[in-house]
């Protein structure tokens, strides 16, 4: 379970900003938090919602969490040692551009609290650390520092670090995280920590670069027995009119080049077509070879979904009517695509991070999705939901506690500030206060400042 996440000098975050999932001392909505999570003294929230104006930094918060997870998974892939780290500091202050960005996360995994983080710029890892806490006692596992790009990383290990040290430290290049390297070489402790990032920190993203949620849902259906029935029931509960569906694998055909160019270009196009076919054949063989060696197969096919609705024949009798997936509404397509990851997070107890959850979904459907995380009978393993939204109708005291509502605001220097409604030292909203009305009236900030348009023009 996520305890807190902090980021500094990344995208629109200039100063350190922290999202905390620790429940405040408030007796409101007990089902919304887990008391004594995993046998510890921590009370952790099951969900957090982030509001803010456009360009205020909501999505940048999600991107910061995603960057940390993805860099952990991929930092060892650059074997050349000279490829810059794709990291973006706060650009609106020249003094920040030359400083490292910092990512710091604390999470609860198998009853142990871990704190992991690193500071890095595009050239090298400046700092990296890992601590664990058992029964309130903190212990350093390793710390890494590097003063300049050309200097060697310096490591400190405690007696609690198990396994190799010197050999792994030497393999940690300036642009690679030590935790990634140690996990790659099957260090038990590193592998245990990495497993939380890989299996229990999940994202639903509409960014194609992050992979298709539609593909991930189809893959879950194909790999896990009973998953299709769960999703069908989920779709029925959402009142989308889908009674059944079929997931088909459609082979990806070879590349074809057709041209209606004038005759003098035909020879050029024939040569090009020949080259494309050769490339296509090579690519097919490479992907087949990767599929044999890798844990994640590269399938030379795409998924096609046929949905089934109830209709009537000419005699008025009920019958099943197939629909192409593209015939469904955008909202239905989105709901189907997220359904696999949503149910998987609830079943496993994962932390699910979603940017703009409300897009293409009715407010009541969005609210219903959120409530699945709050209901104890549906969320029995401590799953958490963190999401951004513009839907002010969700600001309901019957849905969220005050410590679950977070806001991003763009300061005068263009930097993002992050705070929760509970953080208000003066004028903290009362339990019975209408949060939606207060937010839209600007009482909590984090709304666009709109100027009049057209007067006198």
Protein backbone atom coordinates (compact mmCIF):
# COMPACT_ATOMS: atom_id res chain seq x y z
CA UNK A 1 0.00 0.00 0.00
CA UNK A 2 1.18 3.49 -0.79
CA UNK A 3 1.90 5.61 2.29
CA UNK A 4 3.22 8.75 0.62
CA UNK A 5 4.92 10.00 -2.52
CA UNK A 6 7.07 13.13 -2.87
CA UNK A 7 8.54 14.85 -5.91
CA UNK A 8 10.79 17.88 -6.33
CA UNK A 9 12.09 19.77 -9.37
CA UNK A 10 10.21 17.72 -11.96
CA UNK A 11 7.93 19.13 -14.65
CA UNK A 12 5.80 21.80 -12.92
CA UNK A 13 6.89 20.79 -9.41
CA UNK A 14 9.61 23.14 -8.21
CA UNK A 15 9.58 22.69 -4.45
CA UNK A 16 9.00 19.37 -2.73
CA UNK A 17 5.36 18.27 -2.90
CA UNK A 18 3.92 15.29 -1.03
CA UNK A 19 0.79 13.22 -1.56
CA UNK A 20 -0.02 11.34 1.66
CA UNK A 21 -2.35 8.38 2.03
CA UNK A 22 -2.14 8.41 5.82
CA UNK A 23 -5.61 8.90 7.27
CA UNK A 24 -6.05 11.99 9.44
CA UNK A 25 -7.55 11.78 12.92
CA UNK A 26 -11.10 12.03 11.71
CA UNK A 27 -13.91 9.57 12.42
CA UNK A 28 -15.76 10.31 9.18
CA UNK A 29 -16.49 7.46 6.73
CA UNK A 30 -14.68 4.52 8.42
CA UNK A 31 -15.01 2.30 5.29
CA UNK A 32 -12.78 4.77 3.40
CA UNK A 33 -9.60 3.82 5.24
CA UNK A 34 -7.89 0.67 6.50
CA UNK A 35 -7.19 0.63 10.19
CA UNK A 36 -3.86 -0.91 11.28
CA UNK A 37 -2.90 -1.70 7.70
CA UNK A 38 -1.03 -5.02 7.34
CA UNK A 39 -0.68 -5.29 11.10
CA UNK A 40 1.09 -1.95 11.55
CA UNK A 41 0.02 1.16 13.44
CA UNK A 42 -0.79 2.93 10.16
CA UNK A 43 -4.30 3.89 9.08
CA UNK A 44 -4.21 4.26 5.30
CA UNK A 45 -6.76 5.77 2.93
CA UNK A 46 -8.30 3.62 0.22
CA UNK A 47 -8.54 6.49 -2.25
CA UNK A 48 -7.40 10.02 -3.01
CA UNK A 49 -8.78 12.42 -5.61
CA UNK A 50 -6.82 15.33 -7.09
CA UNK A 51 -8.57 18.48 -8.38
CA UNK A 52 -7.15 21.54 -10.04
CA UNK A 53 -7.41 23.87 -12.99
CA UNK A 54 -6.09 22.92 -16.41
CA UNK A 55 -2.28 23.18 -16.50
CA UNK A 56 -2.12 23.29 -12.69
CA UNK A 57 -0.07 20.08 -12.44
CA UNK A 58 -2.58 17.27 -11.76
CA UNK A 59 -1.31 15.11 -14.60
CA UNK A 60 2.29 15.99 -13.74
CA UNK A 61 1.77 14.37 -10.33
CA UNK A 62 0.65 11.18 -12.05
CA UNK A 63 3.56 11.46 -14.50
CA UNK A 64 6.01 11.79 -11.60
CA UNK A 65 4.80 8.55 -10.00
CA UNK A 66 4.85 6.85 -13.39
CA UNK A 67 8.35 8.12 -14.19
CA UNK A 68 9.71 6.72 -10.94
CA UNK A 69 8.16 3.31 -11.58
CA UNK A 70 9.21 3.19 -15.23
CA UNK A 71 12.78 4.36 -14.60
CA UNK A 72 13.17 1.64 -11.99
CA UNK A 73 12.09 -0.90 -14.55
CA UNK A 74 14.22 0.36 -17.45
CA UNK A 75 17.33 2.11 -16.07
CA UNK A 76 19.54 -0.94 -16.67
CA UNK A 77 18.59 -1.21 -20.34
CA UNK A 78 21.05 1.43 -21.52
CA UNK A 79 24.29 -0.52 -21.74
CA UNK A 80 26.24 2.28 -23.45
CA UNK A 81 26.44 4.38 -20.31
CA UNK A 82 26.28 7.68 -22.20
CA UNK A 83 22.60 7.98 -23.09
CA UNK A 84 21.01 10.88 -21.17
CA UNK A 85 18.29 10.11 -18.63
CA UNK A 86 14.98 11.38 -19.98
CA UNK A 87 14.14 13.57 -17.03
CA UNK A 88 12.59 17.04 -17.15
CA UNK A 89 13.33 19.52 -14.34
CA UNK A 90 11.29 22.65 -13.59
CA UNK A 91 12.07 24.88 -16.59
CA UNK A 92 10.65 28.23 -15.47
CA UNK A 93 13.55 28.92 -13.11
CA UNK A 94 17.04 28.77 -14.62
CA UNK A 95 18.49 27.89 -11.22
CA UNK A 96 16.45 24.66 -11.12
CA UNK A 97 17.48 23.37 -14.56
CA UNK A 98 20.96 22.45 -13.35
CA UNK A 99 19.70 20.76 -10.19
CA UNK A 100 18.63 17.10 -9.90
CA UNK A 101 15.02 15.97 -9.70
CA UNK A 102 14.05 13.99 -6.61
CA UNK A 103 11.54 11.15 -6.22
CA UNK A 104 10.76 9.71 -2.80
CA UNK A 105 8.20 7.00 -2.04
CA UNK A 106 7.15 5.21 1.14
CA UNK A 107 5.02 2.10 0.88
CA UNK A 108 3.85 -0.85 2.93
CA UNK A 109 4.69 -4.27 1.55
CA UNK A 110 4.12 -7.56 3.37
CA UNK A 111 3.91 -5.82 6.73
CA UNK A 112 7.18 -3.88 6.30
CA UNK A 113 7.39 -0.15 5.62
CA UNK A 114 9.95 0.78 2.95
CA UNK A 115 11.28 4.19 1.97
CA UNK A 116 13.02 4.36 -1.39
CA UNK A 117 14.12 7.31 -3.47
CA UNK A 118 16.66 8.85 -5.78
CA UNK A 119 17.85 12.21 -7.11
CA UNK A 120 18.98 12.43 -10.73
CA UNK A 121 19.54 14.77 -13.62
CA UNK A 122 19.93 13.89 -17.29
CA UNK A 123 23.58 12.91 -16.76
CA UNK A 124 23.75 10.73 -13.64
CA UNK A 125 22.20 9.52 -10.38
CA UNK A 126 23.19 11.95 -7.62
CA UNK A 127 21.70 10.01 -4.71
CA UNK A 128 19.80 6.78 -4.09
CA UNK A 129 18.63 5.21 -0.86
CA UNK A 130 16.57 2.41 0.63
CA UNK A 131 15.34 2.17 4.24
CA UNK A 132 12.99 -0.26 5.93
CA UNK A 133 10.99 0.03 9.14
CA UNK A 134 9.87 -2.88 11.26
CA UNK A 135 8.11 -2.32 14.58
CA UNK A 136 8.87 1.43 14.41
CA UNK A 137 12.61 0.81 14.08
CA UNK A 138 14.15 2.31 10.99
CA UNK A 139 17.21 0.82 9.35
CA UNK A 140 19.29 1.92 6.41
CA UNK A 141 19.76 -0.82 3.80
CA UNK A 142 21.94 1.10 1.36
CA UNK A 143 22.83 4.64 0.39
CA UNK A 144 24.54 5.81 -2.79
CA UNK A 145 26.05 9.18 -3.62
CA UNK A 146 27.90 10.60 -6.60
CA UNK A 147 29.35 14.13 -6.57
CA UNK A 148 30.11 14.64 -10.27
CA UNK A 149 29.43 12.94 -13.58
CA UNK A 150 33.02 11.70 -13.85
CA UNK A 151 33.40 10.53 -10.25
CA UNK A 152 32.61 7.00 -9.12
CA UNK A 153 29.41 6.28 -7.16
CA UNK A 154 30.03 5.77 -3.45
CA UNK A 155 28.01 3.13 -1.58
CA UNK A 156 27.24 2.49 2.06
CA UNK A 157 25.61 -0.81 3.04
CA UNK A 158 24.30 -1.75 6.45
CA UNK A 159 24.43 -5.19 7.99
CA UNK A 160 20.75 -5.56 7.02
CA UNK A 161 21.60 -5.65 3.32
CA UNK A 162 21.68 -9.29 2.30
CA UNK A 163 23.66 -10.66 -0.59
CA UNK A 164 26.40 -9.29 -2.81
CA UNK A 165 27.61 -5.72 -2.48
CA UNK A 166 30.85 -4.86 -4.29
CA UNK A 167 30.10 -6.70 -7.52
CA UNK A 168 26.62 -5.19 -7.76
CA UNK A 169 27.91 -1.71 -6.90
CA UNK A 170 30.47 -1.92 -9.73
CA UNK A 171 27.73 -2.85 -12.18
CA UNK A 172 25.65 0.21 -11.27
CA UNK A 173 26.51 2.74 -13.96
CA UNK A 174 26.03 6.46 -13.39
CA UNK A 175 22.69 6.38 -15.25
CA UNK A 176 21.38 3.14 -13.73
CA UNK A 177 19.63 2.71 -10.39
CA UNK A 178 21.36 0.33 -8.02
CA UNK A 179 18.04 -1.22 -6.96
CA UNK A 180 17.32 -2.09 -10.61
CA UNK A 181 20.78 -3.62 -11.03
CA UNK A 182 20.50 -5.67 -7.84
CA UNK A 183 17.08 -6.99 -8.84
CA UNK A 184 18.39 -7.85 -12.31
CA UNK A 185 21.01 -10.07 -10.65
CA UNK A 186 18.39 -11.74 -8.46
CA UNK A 187 19.22 -10.11 -5.15
CA UNK A 188 16.41 -11.32 -2.91
CA UNK A 189 15.85 -8.04 -1.05
CA UNK A 190 15.98 -5.88 -4.18
CA UNK A 191 13.70 -8.28 -6.05
CA UNK A 192 11.22 -8.13 -3.19
CA UNK A 193 11.09 -4.32 -3.27
CA UNK A 194 10.96 -4.21 -7.08
CA UNK A 195 8.02 -6.61 -7.09
CA UNK A 196 5.87 -3.97 -5.39
CA UNK A 197 6.58 -1.48 -8.17
CA UNK A 198 6.05 -4.05 -10.89
CA UNK A 199 3.01 -5.93 -9.61
CA UNK A 200 1.27 -3.73 -7.04
CA UNK A 201 1.63 -0.24 -8.52
CA UNK A 202 -0.61 -0.07 -11.58
CA UNK A 203 -1.61 2.66 -14.02
CA UNK A 204 -4.61 3.19 -16.23
CA UNK A 205 -3.48 5.55 -18.95
CA UNK A 206 -4.91 6.91 -22.18
CA UNK A 207 -1.36 7.57 -23.38
CA UNK A 208 -0.52 5.07 -26.16
CA UNK A 209 3.14 5.16 -25.09
CA UNK A 210 2.10 3.54 -21.82
CA UNK A 211 0.55 0.58 -23.57
CA UNK A 212 -3.07 -0.14 -24.30
CA UNK A 213 -5.46 -0.72 -21.40
CA UNK A 214 -7.65 -2.50 -23.94
CA UNK A 215 -4.79 -4.90 -24.73
CA UNK A 216 -4.05 -5.47 -21.03
CA UNK A 217 -7.68 -6.30 -20.31
CA UNK A 218 -7.83 -8.70 -23.27
CA UNK A 219 -4.62 -10.36 -22.10
CA UNK A 220 -6.05 -10.87 -18.59
CA UNK A 221 -9.16 -12.47 -20.13
CA UNK A 222 -7.04 -14.81 -22.24
CA UNK A 223 -4.67 -15.80 -19.43
CA UNK A 224 -6.79 -16.04 -16.29
CA UNK A 225 -9.63 -18.52 -15.88
CA UNK A 226 -12.86 -16.91 -14.77
CA UNK A 227 -11.76 -13.36 -15.65
CA UNK A 228 -14.18 -13.09 -18.56
CA UNK A 229 -17.16 -13.97 -16.32
CA UNK A 230 -16.04 -11.36 -13.76
CA UNK A 231 -15.83 -8.67 -16.43
CA UNK A 232 -19.20 -9.61 -17.92
CA UNK A 233 -20.78 -9.20 -14.48
CA UNK A 234 -18.90 -5.90 -14.04
CA UNK A 235 -20.25 -4.62 -17.39
CA UNK A 236 -23.80 -5.69 -16.50
CA UNK A 237 -23.59 -3.88 -13.14
CA UNK A 238 -22.56 -0.73 -15.03
CA UNK A 239 -25.76 -0.93 -17.14
CA UNK A 240 -24.00 -0.80 -20.50
CA UNK A 241 -26.34 -3.26 -22.21
CA UNK A 242 -23.60 -5.82 -22.90
CA UNK A 243 -24.66 -9.39 -22.17
CA UNK A 244 -21.54 -11.14 -23.41
CA UNK A 245 -18.42 -10.58 -25.50
CA UNK A 246 -15.90 -12.55 -27.51
CA UNK A 247 -12.17 -11.76 -27.66
CA UNK A 248 -10.60 -12.84 -30.94
CA UNK A 249 -6.96 -12.86 -31.94
CA UNK A 250 -6.53 -11.53 -35.46
CA UNK A 251 -3.13 -12.14 -37.11
CA UNK A 252 -1.33 -9.00 -38.19
CA UNK A 253 -0.86 -9.22 -41.94
CA UNK A 254 2.35 -8.47 -43.76
CA UNK A 255 3.09 -4.91 -44.72
CA UNK A 256 1.75 -3.97 -48.12
CA UNK A 257 2.57 -0.98 -50.26
CA UNK A 258 0.17 0.14 -52.95
CA UNK A 259 0.79 3.04 -55.25
CA UNK A 260 -1.03 4.92 -57.98
CA UNK A 261 2.02 6.97 -58.90
CA UNK A 262 2.93 7.63 -62.55
CA UNK A 263 4.74 4.93 -64.51
CA UNK A 264 8.21 6.45 -64.15
CA UNK A 265 8.01 5.77 -60.39
CA UNK A 266 6.89 2.13 -60.69
CA UNK A 267 10.41 0.70 -60.58
CA UNK A 268 11.20 2.75 -57.50
CA UNK A 269 8.04 1.50 -55.82
CA UNK A 270 8.83 -2.12 -56.76
CA UNK A 271 12.24 -1.79 -55.12
CA UNK A 272 10.65 -0.18 -52.09
CA UNK A 273 7.99 -2.89 -51.89
CA UNK A 274 10.70 -5.59 -52.06
CA UNK A 275 12.63 -3.90 -49.24
CA UNK A 276 9.49 -3.61 -47.09
CA UNK A 277 8.71 -7.30 -47.53
CA UNK A 278 12.25 -8.24 -46.52
CA UNK A 279 12.03 -6.00 -43.47
CA UNK A 280 8.66 -7.47 -42.55
CA UNK A 281 10.08 -10.99 -42.76
CA UNK A 282 13.07 -10.04 -40.59
CA UNK A 283 10.81 -8.37 -38.02
CA UNK A 284 8.59 -11.45 -37.85
CA UNK A 285 11.58 -13.71 -37.18
CA UNK A 286 12.98 -11.36 -34.53
CA UNK A 287 9.68 -11.16 -32.66
CA UNK A 288 9.32 -14.93 -32.74
CA UNK A 289 12.79 -15.31 -31.27
CA UNK A 290 12.05 -12.77 -28.53
CA UNK A 291 8.84 -14.61 -27.72
CA UNK A 292 10.82 -17.80 -27.07
CA UNK A 293 13.25 -16.11 -24.65
CA UNK A 294 11.23 -13.39 -22.93
CA UNK A 295 8.72 -13.69 -20.12
CA UNK A 296 6.40 -11.31 -21.98
CA UNK A 297 5.67 -12.76 -25.44
CA UNK A 298 5.48 -10.51 -28.46
CA UNK A 299 2.38 -11.71 -30.22
CA UNK A 300 2.08 -11.22 -33.95
CA UNK A 301 -1.62 -10.58 -33.63
CA UNK A 302 -4.08 -8.01 -32.39
CA UNK A 303 -7.18 -8.37 -30.28
CA UNK A 304 -10.65 -7.88 -31.66
CA UNK A 305 -13.67 -7.76 -29.36
CA UNK A 306 -17.22 -8.56 -30.40
CA UNK A 307 -19.85 -7.45 -27.90
CA UNK A 308 -23.25 -9.11 -27.62
CA UNK A 309 -26.48 -7.21 -26.92
CA UNK A 310 -30.04 -8.43 -26.58
CA UNK A 311 -32.33 -7.69 -29.52
CA UNK A 312 -35.39 -9.10 -31.25
CA UNK A 313 -35.87 -11.06 -34.44
CA UNK A 314 -38.65 -10.40 -36.96
CA UNK A 315 -41.05 -12.43 -34.86
CA UNK A 316 -40.35 -10.36 -31.76
CA UNK A 317 -38.40 -13.10 -30.02
CA UNK A 318 -35.31 -12.14 -28.05
CA UNK A 319 -31.98 -12.95 -29.67
CA UNK A 320 -28.29 -12.07 -29.30
CA UNK A 321 -27.03 -9.32 -31.60
CA UNK A 322 -23.26 -8.99 -32.18
CA UNK A 323 -21.61 -5.56 -32.32
CA UNK A 324 -18.15 -4.56 -33.46
CA UNK A 325 -16.23 -2.97 -30.60
CA UNK A 326 -15.94 0.26 -32.60
CA UNK A 327 -19.75 0.44 -32.72
CA UNK A 328 -19.86 0.91 -28.95
CA UNK A 329 -19.80 4.40 -27.48
CA UNK A 330 -16.50 5.95 -26.44
CA UNK A 331 -17.58 5.62 -22.81
CA UNK A 332 -18.36 1.92 -23.19
CA UNK A 333 -15.03 1.31 -24.93
CA UNK A 334 -13.21 3.08 -22.10
CA UNK A 335 -15.11 1.18 -19.40
CA UNK A 336 -14.37 -2.17 -21.02
CA UNK A 337 -10.70 -1.27 -21.43
CA UNK A 338 -10.25 -0.33 -17.77
CA UNK A 339 -12.37 -3.19 -16.40
CA UNK A 340 -9.61 -5.81 -16.34
CA UNK A 341 -7.09 -3.61 -14.53
CA UNK A 342 -9.78 -2.31 -12.16
CA UNK A 343 -10.91 -5.77 -11.05
CA UNK A 344 -7.33 -7.03 -10.92
CA UNK A 345 -6.34 -4.20 -8.55
CA UNK A 346 -9.28 -4.92 -6.24
CA UNK A 347 -8.55 -8.65 -6.17
CA UNK A 348 -4.80 -8.31 -5.53
CA UNK A 349 -4.80 -5.24 -3.28
CA UNK A 350 -2.82 -3.10 -5.72
CA UNK A 351 -2.49 0.67 -5.85
CA UNK A 352 -4.19 1.91 -9.02
CA UNK A 353 -3.29 5.34 -10.44
CA UNK A 354 -5.57 6.95 -13.04
CA UNK A 355 -5.36 10.29 -14.81
CA UNK A 356 -8.71 11.91 -15.71
CA UNK A 357 -10.89 9.05 -14.57
CA UNK A 358 -14.11 10.92 -15.41
CA UNK A 359 -13.39 11.46 -19.12
CA UNK A 360 -16.15 9.87 -21.24
CA UNK A 361 -17.89 8.45 -18.16
CA UNK A 362 -21.17 9.58 -16.60
CA UNK A 363 -20.77 11.12 -13.15
CA UNK A 364 -22.84 8.38 -11.52
CA UNK A 365 -20.76 5.69 -13.20
CA UNK A 366 -17.54 7.36 -12.04
CA UNK A 367 -18.93 7.55 -8.51
CA UNK A 368 -19.90 3.89 -8.65
CA UNK A 369 -16.37 2.93 -9.71
CA UNK A 370 -14.87 4.87 -6.80
CA UNK A 371 -17.24 3.21 -4.34
CA UNK A 372 -15.95 -0.24 -5.33
CA UNK A 373 -12.70 0.68 -3.56
CA UNK A 374 -14.52 1.90 -0.44
CA UNK A 375 -16.75 -1.13 0.03
CA UNK A 376 -15.16 -3.65 2.36
CA UNK A 377 -16.83 -6.65 0.72
CA UNK A 378 -15.29 -5.69 -2.67
CA UNK A 379 -11.94 -4.43 -1.42
CA UNK A 380 -10.67 -7.00 1.05
CA UNK A 381 -6.92 -6.73 0.41
CA UNK A 382 -6.27 -3.03 0.82
CA UNK A 383 -6.44 -1.83 -2.79
CA UNK A 384 -6.00 1.91 -3.27
CA UNK A 385 -7.21 4.32 -5.95
CA UNK A 386 -5.48 7.62 -6.79
CA UNK A 387 -6.99 9.66 -9.60
CA UNK A 388 -7.39 13.12 -11.08
CA UNK A 389 -10.67 14.64 -12.19
CA UNK A 390 -12.54 17.83 -13.06
CA UNK A 391 -15.93 16.41 -12.03
CA UNK A 392 -16.98 18.64 -9.13
CA UNK A 393 -20.13 16.57 -8.53
CA UNK A 394 -17.87 13.96 -6.90
CA UNK A 395 -17.10 16.42 -4.10
CA UNK A 396 -19.62 14.77 -1.84
CA UNK A 397 -19.09 14.41 1.91
CA UNK A 398 -20.84 11.04 1.65
CA UNK A 399 -18.17 9.86 -0.83
CA UNK A 400 -14.92 11.41 0.39
CA UNK A 401 -13.36 12.43 3.68
CA UNK A 402 -11.62 15.81 3.77
CA UNK A 403 -8.17 14.18 3.87
CA UNK A 404 -8.92 12.31 0.64
CA UNK A 405 -9.41 15.49 -1.42
CA UNK A 406 -6.22 16.99 -2.85
CA UNK A 407 -5.76 20.14 -4.89
CA UNK A 408 -3.11 21.43 -7.30
CA UNK A 409 -2.65 25.14 -7.85
CA UNK A 410 -0.32 27.05 -10.13
CA UNK A 411 1.63 29.67 -8.21
CA UNK A 412 2.73 33.06 -9.59
CA UNK A 413 6.06 31.58 -10.73
CA UNK A 414 4.31 28.78 -12.65
CA UNK A 415 5.16 26.09 -10.09
CA UNK A 416 2.62 23.60 -8.77
CA UNK A 417 1.62 23.48 -5.13
CA UNK A 418 -0.15 20.38 -3.79
CA UNK A 419 -2.31 20.33 -0.67
CA UNK A 420 -5.36 18.60 0.77
CA UNK A 421 -8.50 20.21 2.15
CA UNK A 422 -7.53 18.77 5.50
CA UNK A 423 -4.29 20.81 5.38
CA UNK A 424 -6.12 24.11 5.78
CA UNK A 425 -4.86 25.58 9.05
CA UNK A 426 -7.41 28.36 8.99
CA UNK A 427 -10.91 27.94 7.66
CA UNK A 428 -10.78 24.13 7.49
CA UNK A 429 -14.14 23.03 6.07
CA UNK A 430 -16.57 21.49 8.52
CA UNK A 431 -17.73 17.90 8.09
CA UNK A 432 -21.21 19.04 7.08
CA UNK A 433 -20.00 21.73 4.67
CA UNK A 434 -20.99 21.56 1.00
CA UNK A 435 -17.58 20.84 -0.53
CA UNK A 436 -18.72 21.13 -4.14
CA UNK A 437 -20.20 24.57 -3.59
CA UNK A 438 -17.12 25.73 -1.68
CA UNK A 439 -14.73 24.46 -4.34
CA UNK A 440 -16.57 26.03 -7.27
CA UNK A 441 -16.77 29.31 -5.36
CA UNK A 442 -12.98 29.31 -5.05
CA UNK A 443 -12.90 28.75 -1.31
CA UNK A 444 -10.13 26.16 -1.58
CA UNK A 445 -8.31 27.57 -4.61
CA UNK A 446 -7.25 25.27 -7.44
CA UNK A 447 -9.74 26.66 -9.96
CA UNK A 448 -9.07 28.62 -13.17
CA UNK A 449 -8.98 32.42 -12.92
CA UNK A 450 -11.07 33.46 -15.93
CA UNK A 451 -11.13 36.97 -17.32
CA UNK A 452 -14.11 38.51 -19.07
CA UNK A 453 -14.03 38.23 -22.84
CA UNK A 454 -15.74 40.37 -25.44
CA UNK A 455 -16.56 43.48 -23.42
CA UNK A 456 -15.67 46.52 -25.41
CA UNK A 457 -14.31 44.51 -28.32
